[in-house]
Amino acid sequence: YDFLTVGSMGHTSSIAMSIAVNKPNKKVWIVDGDGAMLMHMGSLALL
């Protein structure tokens, strides 16, 4: 059930967004951190 984003800090939510678009009948949960969110905060606007 889990995709562990072991690298590419700050890009977890963007990975999740594409999964959610392609799997619209399932909830997609993102477990993010504040440092990662700040690193590429533009993804919040896209989401």
ModelCIF file with pLDDT and N, C-alpha, C, O atoms, coordinates in Angstrom:
data_MODEL
#
_entry.id   MODEL 
#
_entity.id                         1 
_entity.type                       polymer 
_entity.pdbx_number_of_molecules   1 
#
_entity_poly.entity_id                      1 
_entity_poly.type                           'polypeptide(L)' 
_entity_poly.nstd_linkage                   no 
_entity_poly.nstd_monomer                   no 
_entity_poly.pdbx_seq_one_letter_code       YDFLTVGSMGHTSSIAMSIAVNKPNKKVWIVDGDGAMLMHMGSLALL 
_entity_poly.pdbx_seq_one_letter_code_can   YDFLTVGSMGHTSSIAMSIAVNKPNKKVWIVDGDGAMLMHMGSLALL 
_entity_poly.pdbx_strand_id                 A 
#
loop_
_entity_poly_seq.entity_id 
_entity_poly_seq.num 
_entity_poly_seq.mon_id 
_entity_poly_seq.hetero 
1 1  TYR n 
1 2  ASP n 
1 3  PHE n 
1 4  LEU n 
1 5  THR n 
1 6  VAL n 
1 7  GLY n 
1 8  SER n 
1 9  MET n 
1 10 GLY n 
1 11 HIS n 
1 12 THR n 
1 13 SER n 
1 14 SER n 
1 15 ILE n 
1 16 ALA n 
1 17 MET n 
1 18 SER n 
1 19 ILE n 
1 20 ALA n 
1 21 VAL n 
1 22 ASN n 
1 23 LYS n 
1 24 PRO n 
1 25 ASN n 
1 26 LYS n 
1 27 LYS n 
1 28 VAL n 
1 29 TRP n 
1 30 ILE n 
1 31 VAL n 
1 32 ASP n 
1 33 GLY n 
1 34 ASP n 
1 35 GLY n 
1 36 ALA n 
1 37 MET n 
1 38 LEU n 
1 39 MET n 
1 40 HIS n 
1 41 MET n 
1 42 GLY n 
1 43 SER n 
1 44 LEU n 
1 45 ALA n 
1 46 LEU n 
1 47 LEU n 
#
_struct_asym.id          A 
_struct_asym.entity_id   1 
#
loop_
_ma_qa_metric.id 
_ma_qa_metric.mode 
_ma_qa_metric.name 
_ma_qa_metric.software_group_id 
_ma_qa_metric.type 
1 global pLDDT . pLDDT 
2 local  pLDDT . pLDDT 
#
_ma_qa_metric_global.metric_id      1 
_ma_qa_metric_global.metric_value   96.45 
_ma_qa_metric_global.model_id       1 
_ma_qa_metric_global.ordinal_id     1 
#
loop_
_ma_qa_metric_local.label_asym_id 
_ma_qa_metric_local.label_comp_id 
_ma_qa_metric_local.label_seq_id 
_ma_qa_metric_local.metric_id 
_ma_qa_metric_local.metric_value 
_ma_qa_metric_local.model_id 
_ma_qa_metric_local.ordinal_id 
A TYR 1  2 98.00 1 1  
A ASP 2  2 98.00 1 2  
A PHE 3  2 98.00 1 3  
A LEU 4  2 97.00 1 4  
A THR 5  2 95.00 1 5  
A VAL 6  2 89.00 1 6  
A GLY 7  2 89.00 1 7  
A SER 8  2 92.00 1 8  
A MET 9  2 94.00 1 9  
A GLY 10 2 95.00 1 10 
A HIS 11 2 97.00 1 11 
A THR 12 2 98.00 1 12 
A SER 13 2 97.00 1 13 
A SER 14 2 98.00 1 14 
A ILE 15 2 98.00 1 15 
A ALA 16 2 98.00 1 16 
A MET 17 2 98.00 1 17 
A SER 18 2 98.00 1 18 
A ILE 19 2 98.00 1 19 
A ALA 20 2 98.00 1 20 
A VAL 21 2 97.00 1 21 
A ASN 22 2 97.00 1 22 
A LYS 23 2 97.00 1 23 
A PRO 24 2 96.00 1 24 
A ASN 25 2 94.00 1 25 
A LYS 26 2 95.00 1 26 
A LYS 27 2 97.00 1 27 
A VAL 28 2 98.00 1 28 
A TRP 29 2 98.00 1 29 
A ILE 30 2 98.00 1 30 
A VAL 31 2 98.00 1 31 
A ASP 32 2 98.00 1 32 
A GLY 33 2 97.00 1 33 
A ASP 34 2 97.00 1 34 
A GLY 35 2 96.00 1 35 
A ALA 36 2 96.00 1 36 
A MET 37 2 96.00 1 37 
A LEU 38 2 96.00 1 38 
A MET 39 2 96.00 1 39 
A HIS 40 2 96.00 1 40 
A MET 41 2 96.00 1 41 
A GLY 42 2 96.00 1 42 
A SER 43 2 97.00 1 43 
A LEU 44 2 97.00 1 44 
A ALA 45 2 97.00 1 45 
A LEU 46 2 97.00 1 46 
A LEU 47 2 97.00 1 47 
#
loop_
_atom_site.group_PDB 
_atom_site.id 
_atom_site.type_symbol 
_atom_site.label_atom_id 
_atom_site.label_alt_id 
_atom_site.label_comp_id 
_atom_site.label_asym_id 
_atom_site.label_entity_id 
_atom_site.label_seq_id 
_atom_site.pdbx_PDB_ins_code 
_atom_site.Cartn_x 
_atom_site.Cartn_y 
_atom_site.Cartn_z 
_atom_site.occupancy 
_atom_site.B_iso_or_equiv 
_atom_site.pdbx_formal_charge 
_atom_site.auth_seq_id 
_atom_site.auth_comp_id 
_atom_site.auth_asym_id 
_atom_site.auth_atom_id 
_atom_site.pdbx_PDB_model_num 
ATOM 1   N N  . TYR A 1 1  ? 0.808   -1.221 0.000   1.00 98.00 ? 1  TYR A N  1 
ATOM 2   C CA . TYR A 1 1  ? 0.000   0.000  0.000   1.00 98.00 ? 1  TYR A CA 1 
ATOM 3   C C  . TYR A 1 1  ? 0.841   1.270  0.000   1.00 98.00 ? 1  TYR A C  1 
ATOM 4   O O  . TYR A 1 1  ? 0.319   2.358  -0.243  1.00 98.00 ? 1  TYR A O  1 
ATOM 5   N N  . ASP A 1 2  ? 2.125   1.142  0.267   1.00 98.00 ? 2  ASP A N  1 
ATOM 6   C CA . ASP A 1 2  ? 2.949   2.321  0.547   1.00 98.00 ? 2  ASP A CA 1 
ATOM 7   C C  . ASP A 1 2  ? 4.028   2.529  -0.513  1.00 98.00 ? 2  ASP A C  1 
ATOM 8   O O  . ASP A 1 2  ? 4.706   1.590  -0.928  1.00 98.00 ? 2  ASP A O  1 
ATOM 9   N N  . PHE A 1 3  ? 4.167   3.777  -0.936  1.00 98.00 ? 3  PHE A N  1 
ATOM 10  C CA . PHE A 1 3  ? 5.339   4.156  -1.725  1.00 98.00 ? 3  PHE A CA 1 
ATOM 11  C C  . PHE A 1 3  ? 6.228   5.014  -0.837  1.00 98.00 ? 3  PHE A C  1 
ATOM 12  O O  . PHE A 1 3  ? 5.854   6.121  -0.448  1.00 98.00 ? 3  PHE A O  1 
ATOM 13  N N  . LEU A 1 4  ? 7.405   4.493  -0.521  1.00 97.00 ? 4  LEU A N  1 
ATOM 14  C CA . LEU A 1 4  ? 8.340   5.176  0.364   1.00 97.00 ? 4  LEU A CA 1 
ATOM 15  C C  . LEU A 1 4  ? 9.262   6.048  -0.478  1.00 97.00 ? 4  LEU A C  1 
ATOM 16  O O  . LEU A 1 4  ? 10.144  5.540  -1.170  1.00 97.00 ? 4  LEU A O  1 
ATOM 17  N N  . THR A 1 5  ? 9.059   7.348  -0.417  1.00 95.00 ? 5  THR A N  1 
ATOM 18  C CA . THR A 1 5  ? 9.871   8.264  -1.227  1.00 95.00 ? 5  THR A CA 1 
ATOM 19  C C  . THR A 1 5  ? 11.202  8.472  -0.504  1.00 95.00 ? 5  THR A C  1 
ATOM 20  O O  . THR A 1 5  ? 11.380  9.449  0.224   1.00 95.00 ? 5  THR A O  1 
ATOM 21  N N  . VAL A 1 6  ? 12.133  7.537  -0.717  1.00 89.00 ? 6  VAL A N  1 
ATOM 22  C CA . VAL A 1 6  ? 13.358  7.558  0.075   1.00 89.00 ? 6  VAL A CA 1 
ATOM 23  C C  . VAL A 1 6  ? 14.307  8.692  -0.321  1.00 89.00 ? 6  VAL A C  1 
ATOM 24  O O  . VAL A 1 6  ? 15.175  9.061  0.470   1.00 89.00 ? 6  VAL A O  1 
ATOM 25  N N  . GLY A 1 7  ? 14.164  9.243  -1.506  1.00 89.00 ? 7  GLY A N  1 
ATOM 26  C CA . GLY A 1 7  ? 14.977  10.373 -1.946  1.00 89.00 ? 7  GLY A CA 1 
ATOM 27  C C  . GLY A 1 7  ? 14.089  11.497 -2.447  1.00 89.00 ? 7  GLY A C  1 
ATOM 28  O O  . GLY A 1 7  ? 12.925  11.596 -2.059  1.00 89.00 ? 7  GLY A O  1 
ATOM 29  N N  . SER A 1 8  ? 14.630  12.334 -3.299  1.00 92.00 ? 8  SER A N  1 
ATOM 30  C CA . SER A 1 8  ? 13.901  13.429 -3.961  1.00 92.00 ? 8  SER A CA 1 
ATOM 31  C C  . SER A 1 8  ? 13.042  14.216 -2.989  1.00 92.00 ? 8  SER A C  1 
ATOM 32  O O  . SER A 1 8  ? 11.829  14.332 -3.163  1.00 92.00 ? 8  SER A O  1 
ATOM 33  N N  . MET A 1 9  ? 13.686  14.753 -1.966  1.00 94.00 ? 9  MET A N  1 
ATOM 34  C CA . MET A 1 9  ? 12.975  15.477 -0.908  1.00 94.00 ? 9  MET A CA 1 
ATOM 35  C C  . MET A 1 9  ? 12.138  16.614 -1.494  1.00 94.00 ? 9  MET A C  1 
ATOM 36  O O  . MET A 1 9  ? 12.605  17.389 -2.329  1.00 94.00 ? 9  MET A O  1 
ATOM 37  N N  . GLY A 1 10 ? 10.894  16.690 -1.035  1.00 95.00 ? 10 GLY A N  1 
ATOM 38  C CA . GLY A 1 10 ? 9.999   17.751 -1.459  1.00 95.00 ? 10 GLY A CA 1 
ATOM 39  C C  . GLY A 1 10 ? 9.069   17.391 -2.593  1.00 95.00 ? 10 GLY A C  1 
ATOM 40  O O  . GLY A 1 10 ? 8.205   18.187 -2.961  1.00 95.00 ? 10 GLY A O  1 
ATOM 41  N N  . HIS A 1 11 ? 9.231   16.190 -3.162  1.00 97.00 ? 11 HIS A N  1 
ATOM 42  C CA . HIS A 1 11 ? 8.446   15.816 -4.339  1.00 97.00 ? 11 HIS A CA 1 
ATOM 43  C C  . HIS A 1 11 ? 7.359   14.777 -4.054  1.00 97.00 ? 11 HIS A C  1 
ATOM 44  O O  . HIS A 1 11 ? 6.681   14.323 -4.976  1.00 97.00 ? 11 HIS A O  1 
ATOM 45  N N  . THR A 1 12 ? 7.193   14.400 -2.794  1.00 98.00 ? 12 THR A N  1 
ATOM 46  C CA . THR A 1 12 ? 6.210   13.364 -2.459  1.00 98.00 ? 12 THR A CA 1 
ATOM 47  C C  . THR A 1 12 ? 4.802   13.734 -2.894  1.00 98.00 ? 12 THR A C  1 
ATOM 48  O O  . THR A 1 12 ? 4.089   12.904 -3.458  1.00 98.00 ? 12 THR A O  1 
ATOM 49  N N  . SER A 1 13 ? 4.395   14.967 -2.638  1.00 97.00 ? 13 SER A N  1 
ATOM 50  C CA . SER A 1 13 ? 3.024   15.359 -2.964  1.00 97.00 ? 13 SER A CA 1 
ATOM 51  C C  . SER A 1 13 ? 2.781   15.375 -4.468  1.00 97.00 ? 13 SER A C  1 
ATOM 52  O O  . SER A 1 13 ? 1.662   15.123 -4.915  1.00 97.00 ? 13 SER A O  1 
ATOM 53  N N  . SER A 1 14 ? 3.810   15.666 -5.250  1.00 98.00 ? 14 SER A N  1 
ATOM 54  C CA . SER A 1 14 ? 3.648   15.647 -6.706  1.00 98.00 ? 14 SER A CA 1 
ATOM 55  C C  . SER A 1 14 ? 3.513   14.220 -7.233  1.00 98.00 ? 14 SER A C  1 
ATOM 56  O O  . SER A 1 14 ? 2.723   13.960 -8.141  1.00 98.00 ? 14 SER A O  1 
ATOM 57  N N  . ILE A 1 15 ? 4.285   13.299 -6.660  1.00 98.00 ? 15 ILE A N  1 
ATOM 58  C CA . ILE A 1 15 ? 4.123   11.887 -7.007  1.00 98.00 ? 15 ILE A CA 1 
ATOM 59  C C  . ILE A 1 15 ? 2.695   11.452 -6.706  1.00 98.00 ? 15 ILE A C  1 
ATOM 60  O O  . ILE A 1 15 ? 2.042   10.800 -7.520  1.00 98.00 ? 15 ILE A O  1 
ATOM 61  N N  . ALA A 1 16 ? 2.224   11.827 -5.515  1.00 98.00 ? 16 ALA A N  1 
ATOM 62  C CA . ALA A 1 16 ? 0.879   11.437 -5.085  1.00 98.00 ? 16 ALA A CA 1 
ATOM 63  C C  . ALA A 1 16 ? -0.192  12.043 -5.974  1.00 98.00 ? 16 ALA A C  1 
ATOM 64  O O  . ALA A 1 16 ? -1.204  11.397 -6.248  1.00 98.00 ? 16 ALA A O  1 
ATOM 65  N N  . MET A 1 17 ? 0.011   13.257 -6.423  1.00 98.00 ? 17 MET A N  1 
ATOM 66  C CA . MET A 1 17 ? -0.985  13.911 -7.261  1.00 98.00 ? 17 MET A CA 1 
ATOM 67  C C  . MET A 1 17 ? -1.222  13.127 -8.551  1.00 98.00 ? 17 MET A C  1 
ATOM 68  O O  . MET A 1 17 ? -2.368  12.926 -8.951  1.00 98.00 ? 17 MET A O  1 
ATOM 69  N N  . SER A 1 18 ? -0.157  12.688 -9.197  1.00 98.00 ? 18 SER A N  1 
ATOM 70  C CA . SER A 1 18 ? -0.324  11.938 -10.446 1.00 98.00 ? 18 SER A CA 1 
ATOM 71  C C  . SER A 1 18 ? -0.983  10.585 -10.193 1.00 98.00 ? 18 SER A C  1 
ATOM 72  O O  . SER A 1 18 ? -1.765  10.106 -11.014 1.00 98.00 ? 18 SER A O  1 
ATOM 73  N N  . ILE A 1 19 ? -0.663  9.972  -9.049  1.00 98.00 ? 19 ILE A N  1 
ATOM 74  C CA . ILE A 1 19 ? -1.318  8.706  -8.712  1.00 98.00 ? 19 ILE A CA 1 
ATOM 75  C C  . ILE A 1 19 ? -2.813  8.935  -8.509  1.00 98.00 ? 19 ILE A C  1 
ATOM 76  O O  . ILE A 1 19 ? -3.637  8.160  -8.996  1.00 98.00 ? 19 ILE A O  1 
ATOM 77  N N  . ALA A 1 20 ? -3.161  10.003 -7.787  1.00 98.00 ? 20 ALA A N  1 
ATOM 78  C CA . ALA A 1 20 ? -4.570  10.295 -7.502  1.00 98.00 ? 20 ALA A CA 1 
ATOM 79  C C  . ALA A 1 20 ? -5.351  10.589 -8.780  1.00 98.00 ? 20 ALA A C  1 
ATOM 80  O O  . ALA A 1 20 ? -6.501  10.169 -8.915  1.00 98.00 ? 20 ALA A O  1 
ATOM 81  N N  . VAL A 1 21 ? -4.738  11.300 -9.708  1.00 97.00 ? 21 VAL A N  1 
ATOM 82  C CA . VAL A 1 21 ? -5.403  11.606 -10.979 1.00 97.00 ? 21 VAL A CA 1 
ATOM 83  C C  . VAL A 1 21 ? -5.729  10.325 -11.745 1.00 97.00 ? 21 VAL A C  1 
ATOM 84  O O  . VAL A 1 21 ? -6.783  10.210 -12.371 1.00 97.00 ? 21 VAL A O  1 
ATOM 85  N N  . ASN A 1 22 ? -4.807  9.370  -11.682 1.00 97.00 ? 22 ASN A N  1 
ATOM 86  C CA . ASN A 1 22 ? -4.978  8.137  -12.446 1.00 97.00 ? 22 ASN A CA 1 
ATOM 87  C C  . ASN A 1 22 ? -5.740  7.048  -11.698 1.00 97.00 ? 22 ASN A C  1 
ATOM 88  O O  . ASN A 1 22 ? -6.133  6.046  -12.297 1.00 97.00 ? 22 ASN A O  1 
ATOM 89  N N  . LYS A 1 23 ? -5.948  7.231  -10.419 1.00 97.00 ? 23 LYS A N  1 
ATOM 90  C CA . LYS A 1 23 ? -6.715  6.284  -9.605  1.00 97.00 ? 23 LYS A CA 1 
ATOM 91  C C  . LYS A 1 23 ? -7.787  7.055  -8.833  1.00 97.00 ? 23 LYS A C  1 
ATOM 92  O O  . LYS A 1 23 ? -7.725  7.123  -7.605  1.00 97.00 ? 23 LYS A O  1 
ATOM 93  N N  . PRO A 1 24 ? -8.758  7.631  -9.523  1.00 96.00 ? 24 PRO A N  1 
ATOM 94  C CA . PRO A 1 24 ? -9.701  8.566  -8.891  1.00 96.00 ? 24 PRO A CA 1 
ATOM 95  C C  . PRO A 1 24 ? -10.686 7.919  -7.921  1.00 96.00 ? 24 PRO A C  1 
ATOM 96  O O  . PRO A 1 24 ? -11.366 8.623  -7.174  1.00 96.00 ? 24 PRO A O  1 
ATOM 97  N N  . ASN A 1 25 ? -10.772 6.583  -7.921  1.00 94.00 ? 25 ASN A N  1 
ATOM 98  C CA . ASN A 1 25 ? -11.731 5.917  -7.050  1.00 94.00 ? 25 ASN A CA 1 
ATOM 99  C C  . ASN A 1 25 ? -11.140 5.481  -5.715  1.00 94.00 ? 25 ASN A C  1 
ATOM 100 O O  . ASN A 1 25 ? -11.808 4.801  -4.936  1.00 94.00 ? 25 ASN A O  1 
ATOM 101 N N  . LYS A 1 26 ? -9.894  5.865  -5.445  1.00 95.00 ? 26 LYS A N  1 
ATOM 102 C CA . LYS A 1 26 ? -9.249  5.573  -4.173  1.00 95.00 ? 26 LYS A CA 1 
ATOM 103 C C  . LYS A 1 26 ? -8.742  6.864  -3.539  1.00 95.00 ? 26 LYS A C  1 
ATOM 104 O O  . LYS A 1 26 ? -8.271  7.768  -4.229  1.00 95.00 ? 26 LYS A O  1 
ATOM 105 N N  . LYS A 1 27 ? -8.845  6.931  -2.225  1.00 97.00 ? 27 LYS A N  1 
ATOM 106 C CA . LYS A 1 27 ? -8.180  8.021  -1.519  1.00 97.00 ? 27 LYS A CA 1 
ATOM 107 C C  . LYS A 1 27 ? -6.671  7.808  -1.602  1.00 97.00 ? 27 LYS A C  1 
ATOM 108 O O  . LYS A 1 27 ? -6.191  6.683  -1.466  1.00 97.00 ? 27 LYS A O  1 
ATOM 109 N N  . VAL A 1 28 ? -5.936  8.870  -1.820  1.00 98.00 ? 28 VAL A N  1 
ATOM 110 C CA . VAL A 1 28 ? -4.479  8.823  -1.804  1.00 98.00 ? 28 VAL A CA 1 
ATOM 111 C C  . VAL A 1 28 ? -4.012  9.680  -0.630  1.00 98.00 ? 28 VAL A C  1 
ATOM 112 O O  . VAL A 1 28 ? -4.267  10.883 -0.577  1.00 98.00 ? 28 VAL A O  1 
ATOM 113 N N  . TRP A 1 29 ? -3.331  9.040  0.297   1.00 98.00 ? 29 TRP A N  1 
ATOM 114 C CA . TRP A 1 29 ? -2.870  9.710  1.514   1.00 98.00 ? 29 TRP A CA 1 
ATOM 115 C C  . TRP A 1 29 ? -1.407  10.102 1.351   1.00 98.00 ? 29 TRP A C  1 
ATOM 116 O O  . TRP A 1 29 ? -0.588  9.304  0.894   1.00 98.00 ? 29 TRP A O  1 
ATOM 117 N N  . ILE A 1 30 ? -1.090  11.320 1.723   1.00 98.00 ? 30 ILE A N  1 
ATOM 118 C CA . ILE A 1 30 ? 0.286   11.817 1.670   1.00 98.00 ? 30 ILE A CA 1 
ATOM 119 C C  . ILE A 1 30 ? 0.773   12.051 3.097   1.00 98.00 ? 30 ILE A C  1 
ATOM 120 O O  . ILE A 1 30 ? 0.160   12.806 3.852   1.00 98.00 ? 30 ILE A O  1 
ATOM 121 N N  . VAL A 1 31 ? 1.864   11.408 3.457   1.00 98.00 ? 31 VAL A N  1 
ATOM 122 C CA . VAL A 1 31 ? 2.519   11.672 4.739   1.00 98.00 ? 31 VAL A CA 1 
ATOM 123 C C  . VAL A 1 31 ? 3.760   12.496 4.439   1.00 98.00 ? 31 VAL A C  1 
ATOM 124 O O  . VAL A 1 31 ? 4.770   11.982 3.958   1.00 98.00 ? 31 VAL A O  1 
ATOM 125 N N  . ASP A 1 32 ? 3.663   13.780 4.734   1.00 98.00 ? 32 ASP A N  1 
ATOM 126 C CA . ASP A 1 32 ? 4.701   14.741 4.356   1.00 98.00 ? 32 ASP A CA 1 
ATOM 127 C C  . ASP A 1 32 ? 5.356   15.316 5.606   1.00 98.00 ? 32 ASP A C  1 
ATOM 128 O O  . ASP A 1 32 ? 4.849   15.150 6.716   1.00 98.00 ? 32 ASP A O  1 
ATOM 129 N N  . GLY A 1 33 ? 6.475   15.986 5.419   1.00 97.00 ? 33 GLY A N  1 
ATOM 130 C CA . GLY A 1 33 ? 7.148   16.679 6.508   1.00 97.00 ? 33 GLY A CA 1 
ATOM 131 C C  . GLY A 1 33 ? 7.243   18.160 6.214   1.00 97.00 ? 33 GLY A C  1 
ATOM 132 O O  . GLY A 1 33 ? 7.141   18.579 5.061   1.00 97.00 ? 33 GLY A O  1 
ATOM 133 N N  . ASP A 1 34 ? 7.437   18.949 7.247   1.00 97.00 ? 34 ASP A N  1 
ATOM 134 C CA . ASP A 1 34 ? 7.479   20.397 7.038   1.00 97.00 ? 34 ASP A CA 1 
ATOM 135 C C  . ASP A 1 34 ? 8.696   20.815 6.219   1.00 97.00 ? 34 ASP A C  1 
ATOM 136 O O  . ASP A 1 34 ? 8.589   21.695 5.366   1.00 97.00 ? 34 ASP A O  1 
ATOM 137 N N  . GLY A 1 35 ? 9.851   20.197 6.464   1.00 96.00 ? 35 GLY A N  1 
ATOM 138 C CA . GLY A 1 35 ? 11.038  20.548 5.686   1.00 96.00 ? 35 GLY A CA 1 
ATOM 139 C C  . GLY A 1 35 ? 10.875  20.197 4.223   1.00 96.00 ? 35 GLY A C  1 
ATOM 140 O O  . GLY A 1 35 ? 11.274  20.961 3.344   1.00 96.00 ? 35 GLY A O  1 
ATOM 141 N N  . ALA A 1 36 ? 10.284  19.033 3.959   1.00 96.00 ? 36 ALA A N  1 
ATOM 142 C CA . ALA A 1 36 ? 10.043  18.612 2.580   1.00 96.00 ? 36 ALA A CA 1 
ATOM 143 C C  . ALA A 1 36 ? 9.025   19.517 1.907   1.00 96.00 ? 36 ALA A C  1 
ATOM 144 O O  . ALA A 1 36 ? 9.194   19.887 0.745   1.00 96.00 ? 36 ALA A O  1 
ATOM 145 N N  . MET A 1 37 ? 7.964   19.879 2.630   1.00 96.00 ? 37 MET A N  1 
ATOM 146 C CA . MET A 1 37 ? 6.942   20.757 2.059   1.00 96.00 ? 37 MET A CA 1 
ATOM 147 C C  . MET A 1 37 ? 7.537   22.109 1.684   1.00 96.00 ? 37 MET A C  1 
ATOM 148 O O  . MET A 1 37 ? 7.246   22.654 0.620   1.00 96.00 ? 37 MET A O  1 
ATOM 149 N N  . LEU A 1 38 ? 8.382   22.650 2.579   1.00 96.00 ? 38 LEU A N  1 
ATOM 150 C CA . LEU A 1 38 ? 9.002   23.947 2.311   1.00 96.00 ? 38 LEU A CA 1 
ATOM 151 C C  . LEU A 1 38 ? 9.956   23.884 1.123   1.00 96.00 ? 38 LEU A C  1 
ATOM 152 O O  . LEU A 1 38 ? 10.100  24.856 0.383   1.00 96.00 ? 38 LEU A O  1 
ATOM 153 N N  . MET A 1 39 ? 10.602  22.744 0.946   1.00 96.00 ? 39 MET A N  1 
ATOM 154 C CA . MET A 1 39 ? 11.646  22.642 -0.080  1.00 96.00 ? 39 MET A CA 1 
ATOM 155 C C  . MET A 1 39 ? 11.106  22.923 -1.481  1.00 96.00 ? 39 MET A C  1 
ATOM 156 O O  . MET A 1 39 ? 11.767  23.589 -2.279  1.00 96.00 ? 39 MET A O  1 
ATOM 157 N N  . HIS A 1 40 ? 9.915   22.422 -1.781  1.00 96.00 ? 40 HIS A N  1 
ATOM 158 C CA . HIS A 1 40 ? 9.310   22.674 -3.101  1.00 96.00 ? 40 HIS A CA 1 
ATOM 159 C C  . HIS A 1 40 ? 7.847   23.055 -2.903  1.00 96.00 ? 40 HIS A C  1 
ATOM 160 O O  . HIS A 1 40 ? 6.941   22.331 -3.315  1.00 96.00 ? 40 HIS A O  1 
ATOM 161 N N  . MET A 1 41 ? 7.633   24.202 -2.265  1.00 96.00 ? 41 MET A N  1 
ATOM 162 C CA . MET A 1 41 ? 6.301   24.595 -1.851  1.00 96.00 ? 41 MET A CA 1 
ATOM 163 C C  . MET A 1 41 ? 5.396   24.932 -3.034  1.00 96.00 ? 41 MET A C  1 
ATOM 164 O O  . MET A 1 41 ? 4.180   25.020 -2.870  1.00 96.00 ? 41 MET A O  1 
ATOM 165 N N  . GLY A 1 42 ? 5.957   25.118 -4.196  1.00 96.00 ? 42 GLY A N  1 
ATOM 166 C CA . GLY A 1 42 ? 5.139   25.363 -5.371  1.00 96.00 ? 42 GLY A CA 1 
ATOM 167 C C  . GLY A 1 42 ? 4.187   24.226 -5.678  1.00 96.00 ? 42 GLY A C  1 
ATOM 168 O O  . GLY A 1 42 ? 3.163   24.432 -6.329  1.00 96.00 ? 42 GLY A O  1 
ATOM 169 N N  . SER A 1 43 ? 4.514   23.020 -5.215  1.00 97.00 ? 43 SER A N  1 
ATOM 170 C CA . SER A 1 43 ? 3.623   21.883 -5.453  1.00 97.00 ? 43 SER A CA 1 
ATOM 171 C C  . SER A 1 43 ? 2.289   22.065 -4.736  1.00 97.00 ? 43 SER A C  1 
ATOM 172 O O  . SER A 1 43 ? 1.284   21.498 -5.163  1.00 97.00 ? 43 SER A O  1 
ATOM 173 N N  . LEU A 1 44 ? 2.259   22.852 -3.645  1.00 97.00 ? 44 LEU A N  1 
ATOM 174 C CA . LEU A 1 44 ? 0.986   23.125 -2.972  1.00 97.00 ? 44 LEU A CA 1 
ATOM 175 C C  . LEU A 1 44 ? 0.044   23.890 -3.892  1.00 97.00 ? 44 LEU A C  1 
ATOM 176 O O  . LEU A 1 44 ? -1.155  23.612 -3.936  1.00 97.00 ? 44 LEU A O  1 
ATOM 177 N N  . ALA A 1 45 ? 0.587   24.848 -4.620  1.00 97.00 ? 45 ALA A N  1 
ATOM 178 C CA . ALA A 1 45 ? -0.236  25.625 -5.546  1.00 97.00 ? 45 ALA A CA 1 
ATOM 179 C C  . ALA A 1 45 ? -0.782  24.743 -6.661  1.00 97.00 ? 45 ALA A C  1 
ATOM 180 O O  . ALA A 1 45 ? -1.939  24.878 -7.060  1.00 97.00 ? 45 ALA A O  1 
ATOM 181 N N  . LEU A 1 46 ? 0.047   23.849 -7.156  1.00 97.00 ? 46 LEU A N  1 
ATOM 182 C CA . LEU A 1 46 ? -0.387  22.940 -8.218  1.00 97.00 ? 46 LEU A CA 1 
ATOM 183 C C  . LEU A 1 46 ? -1.492  22.012 -7.720  1.00 97.00 ? 46 LEU A C  1 
ATOM 184 O O  . LEU A 1 46 ? -2.494  21.797 -8.403  1.00 97.00 ? 46 LEU A O  1 
ATOM 185 N N  . LEU A 1 47 ? -1.297  21.471 -6.528  1.00 97.00 ? 47 LEU A N  1 
ATOM 186 C CA . LEU A 1 47 ? -2.308  20.600 -5.949  1.00 97.00 ? 47 LEU A CA 1 
ATOM 187 C C  . LEU A 1 47 ? -3.606  21.362 -5.678  1.00 97.00 ? 47 LEU A C  1 
ATOM 188 O O  . LEU A 1 47 ? -4.573  20.779 -5.187  1.00 97.00 ? 47 LEU A O  1 
#
